[in-house]
Amino acid sequence: ISRIAPQLNIFAIGFPVTIGAGLVLLALGLPLLQAPFDLIVERMVSALRM
């Protein structure tokens, strides 16, 4: 068990770091998706008005 214990610490630290990095990348990527999303919504609204 003493050989496994250090690995458990790495996993306990690694998962929150991975989640944090994913959230940071998501926050950085969302502004890039705004223009395509606006275009899709505009096309949907124009299709519903026809």
Protein backbone atom coordinates (compact mmCIF):
# COMPACT_ATOMS: atom_id res chain seq x y z
CA ILE A 1 0.00 0.00 0.00
CA SER A 2 2.89 2.39 0.67
CA ARG A 3 3.87 2.14 -2.97
CA ILE A 4 0.35 3.06 -4.10
CA ALA A 5 -0.15 6.01 -1.72
CA PRO A 6 2.02 8.53 -3.63
CA GLN A 7 0.11 7.74 -6.82
CA LEU A 8 -3.16 8.46 -5.06
CA ASN A 9 -1.90 11.95 -4.22
CA ILE A 10 -1.06 12.55 -7.87
CA PHE A 11 -4.56 11.49 -8.89
CA ALA A 12 -6.15 13.63 -6.16
CA ILE A 13 -4.29 16.67 -7.49
CA GLY A 14 -4.56 15.77 -11.17
CA PHE A 15 -8.34 15.62 -11.46
CA PRO A 16 -9.04 19.13 -10.09
CA VAL A 17 -6.22 20.51 -12.25
CA THR A 18 -7.74 18.84 -15.32
CA ILE A 19 -11.19 20.21 -14.50
CA GLY A 20 -9.77 23.68 -13.90
CA ALA A 21 -7.84 23.62 -17.18
CA GLY A 22 -10.99 22.52 -19.00
CA LEU A 23 -13.00 25.37 -17.51
CA VAL A 24 -10.30 27.89 -18.44
CA LEU A 25 -10.22 26.61 -22.03
CA LEU A 26 -14.01 26.73 -22.16
CA ALA A 27 -14.00 30.33 -20.92
CA LEU A 28 -11.40 31.26 -23.53
CA GLY A 29 -13.24 29.47 -26.33
CA LEU A 30 -16.76 30.73 -25.73
CA PRO A 31 -16.17 34.20 -27.26
CA LEU A 32 -15.01 32.49 -30.45
CA LEU A 33 -18.36 30.70 -30.70
CA GLN A 34 -20.47 33.84 -30.34
CA ALA A 35 -20.45 34.87 -34.03
CA PRO A 36 -21.42 31.43 -35.42
CA PHE A 37 -24.09 31.07 -32.73
CA ASP A 38 -25.54 34.50 -33.59
CA LEU A 39 -25.66 33.49 -37.26
CA ILE A 40 -27.46 30.24 -36.46
CA VAL A 41 -30.02 32.02 -34.27
CA GLU A 42 -30.56 34.67 -36.96
CA ARG A 43 -31.16 31.98 -39.60
CA MET A 44 -33.58 30.15 -37.30
CA VAL A 45 -35.57 33.33 -36.67
CA SER A 46 -35.69 34.16 -40.38
CA ALA A 47 -36.79 30.59 -41.19
CA LEU A 48 -39.61 30.82 -38.66
CA ARG A 49 -40.82 34.13 -40.13
CA MET A 50 -41.18 32.65 -43.64
